[in-house]
Amino acid sequence: MDLKGKKVIIIGERDGVQGPSIAECVKSVGAEPIMVETMCYV
């Protein structure tokens, strides 16, 4: 999947992969995170 130049909305999970971690991954492939959240699903 080519994400270069795309804008991305990221929703992470508190007990799983958190939003900032996902944001770093998408930045490394050239995408721009425009919203990063970490939610708690119970």
N, C-alpha and C. Protein backbone atom coordinates (compact mmCIF):
# COMPACT_ATOMS: atom_id res chain seq x y z
N MET A 1 0.84 -1.17 0.00
CA MET A 1 0.00 0.00 0.00
C MET A 1 0.89 1.24 0.00
N ASP A 2 0.66 2.14 -0.91
CA ASP A 2 1.45 3.36 -1.02
C ASP A 2 0.76 4.50 -0.29
N LEU A 3 1.35 4.96 0.80
CA LEU A 3 0.77 6.05 1.59
C LEU A 3 1.47 7.38 1.38
N LYS A 4 2.48 7.40 0.53
CA LYS A 4 3.27 8.62 0.33
C LYS A 4 2.37 9.78 -0.11
N GLY A 5 2.43 10.89 0.64
CA GLY A 5 1.67 12.08 0.32
C GLY A 5 0.21 12.04 0.76
N LYS A 6 -0.20 10.99 1.45
CA LYS A 6 -1.59 10.87 1.91
C LYS A 6 -1.74 11.46 3.31
N LYS A 7 -2.94 11.91 3.64
CA LYS A 7 -3.27 12.37 4.98
C LYS A 7 -3.98 11.23 5.69
N VAL A 8 -3.62 10.99 6.96
CA VAL A 8 -4.09 9.81 7.67
C VAL A 8 -4.70 10.20 9.01
N ILE A 9 -5.85 9.59 9.34
CA ILE A 9 -6.45 9.70 10.66
C ILE A 9 -6.14 8.40 11.39
N ILE A 10 -5.58 8.51 12.59
CA ILE A 10 -5.11 7.34 13.32
C ILE A 10 -5.88 7.20 14.62
N ILE A 11 -6.42 6.00 14.86
CA ILE A 11 -7.08 5.68 16.12
C ILE A 11 -6.41 4.44 16.68
N GLY A 12 -5.66 4.63 17.76
CA GLY A 12 -4.98 3.52 18.40
C GLY A 12 -5.77 3.02 19.59
N GLU A 13 -5.26 1.98 20.24
CA GLU A 13 -5.93 1.42 21.40
C GLU A 13 -4.97 1.44 22.58
N ARG A 14 -5.47 1.77 23.76
CA ARG A 14 -4.63 1.90 24.95
C ARG A 14 -3.90 0.61 25.28
N ASP A 15 -4.58 -0.53 25.22
CA ASP A 15 -3.96 -1.80 25.57
C ASP A 15 -3.31 -2.51 24.39
N GLY A 16 -3.40 -1.91 23.22
CA GLY A 16 -2.81 -2.49 22.01
C GLY A 16 -1.73 -1.55 21.48
N VAL A 17 -1.82 -1.24 20.21
CA VAL A 17 -0.87 -0.32 19.59
C VAL A 17 -1.43 1.09 19.74
N GLN A 18 -0.69 1.95 20.41
CA GLN A 18 -1.16 3.30 20.68
C GLN A 18 -0.97 4.23 19.48
N GLY A 19 -1.79 5.27 19.43
CA GLY A 19 -1.81 6.21 18.31
C GLY A 19 -0.45 6.78 17.93
N PRO A 20 0.33 7.32 18.88
CA PRO A 20 1.63 7.89 18.53
C PRO A 20 2.58 6.89 17.87
N SER A 21 2.49 5.62 18.26
CA SER A 21 3.35 4.59 17.66
C SER A 21 2.96 4.38 16.20
N ILE A 22 1.67 4.34 15.93
CA ILE A 22 1.19 4.19 14.55
C ILE A 22 1.59 5.42 13.74
N ALA A 23 1.49 6.62 14.35
CA ALA A 23 1.85 7.86 13.66
C ALA A 23 3.30 7.84 13.20
N GLU A 24 4.19 7.35 14.04
CA GLU A 24 5.61 7.28 13.66
C GLU A 24 5.80 6.34 12.48
N CYS A 25 5.05 5.26 12.45
CA CYS A 25 5.16 4.31 11.33
C CYS A 25 4.68 4.94 10.02
N VAL A 26 3.53 5.61 10.05
CA VAL A 26 3.03 6.19 8.81
C VAL A 26 3.88 7.37 8.34
N LYS A 27 4.48 8.10 9.29
CA LYS A 27 5.40 9.18 8.89
C LYS A 27 6.62 8.62 8.18
N SER A 28 7.07 7.45 8.61
CA SER A 28 8.27 6.86 8.01
C SER A 28 8.05 6.42 6.56
N VAL A 29 6.80 6.24 6.15
CA VAL A 29 6.52 5.87 4.76
C VAL A 29 6.00 7.05 3.95
N GLY A 30 6.04 8.27 4.54
CA GLY A 30 5.72 9.47 3.79
C GLY A 30 4.31 9.99 3.93
N ALA A 31 3.51 9.43 4.84
CA ALA A 31 2.15 9.92 5.05
C ALA A 31 2.16 11.03 6.11
N GLU A 32 1.08 11.82 6.16
CA GLU A 32 0.96 12.92 7.12
C GLU A 32 -0.19 12.64 8.08
N PRO A 33 0.10 12.35 9.34
CA PRO A 33 -0.99 12.16 10.31
C PRO A 33 -1.66 13.49 10.61
N ILE A 34 -2.96 13.58 10.40
CA ILE A 34 -3.67 14.83 10.68
C ILE A 34 -4.45 14.76 11.98
N MET A 35 -4.71 13.55 12.48
CA MET A 35 -5.36 13.36 13.77
C MET A 35 -4.85 12.06 14.38
N VAL A 36 -4.41 12.12 15.63
CA VAL A 36 -3.90 10.93 16.31
C VAL A 36 -4.61 10.83 17.65
N GLU A 37 -5.30 9.74 17.88
CA GLU A 37 -6.01 9.49 19.13
C GLU A 37 -5.66 8.11 19.65
N THR A 38 -5.69 7.96 20.96
CA THR A 38 -5.57 6.65 21.59
C THR A 38 -6.82 6.48 22.43
N MET A 39 -7.61 5.47 22.14
CA MET A 39 -8.88 5.24 22.82
C MET A 39 -8.79 4.02 23.72
N CYS A 40 -9.72 3.93 24.67
CA CYS A 40 -9.82 2.78 25.55
C CYS A 40 -11.15 2.10 25.27
N TYR A 41 -11.11 0.88 24.76
CA TYR A 41 -12.31 0.12 24.44
C TYR A 41 -12.50 -0.94 25.52
N VAL A 42 -13.59 -0.83 26.26
CA VAL A 42 -13.85 -1.78 27.34
C VAL A 42 -15.11 -2.56 27.01
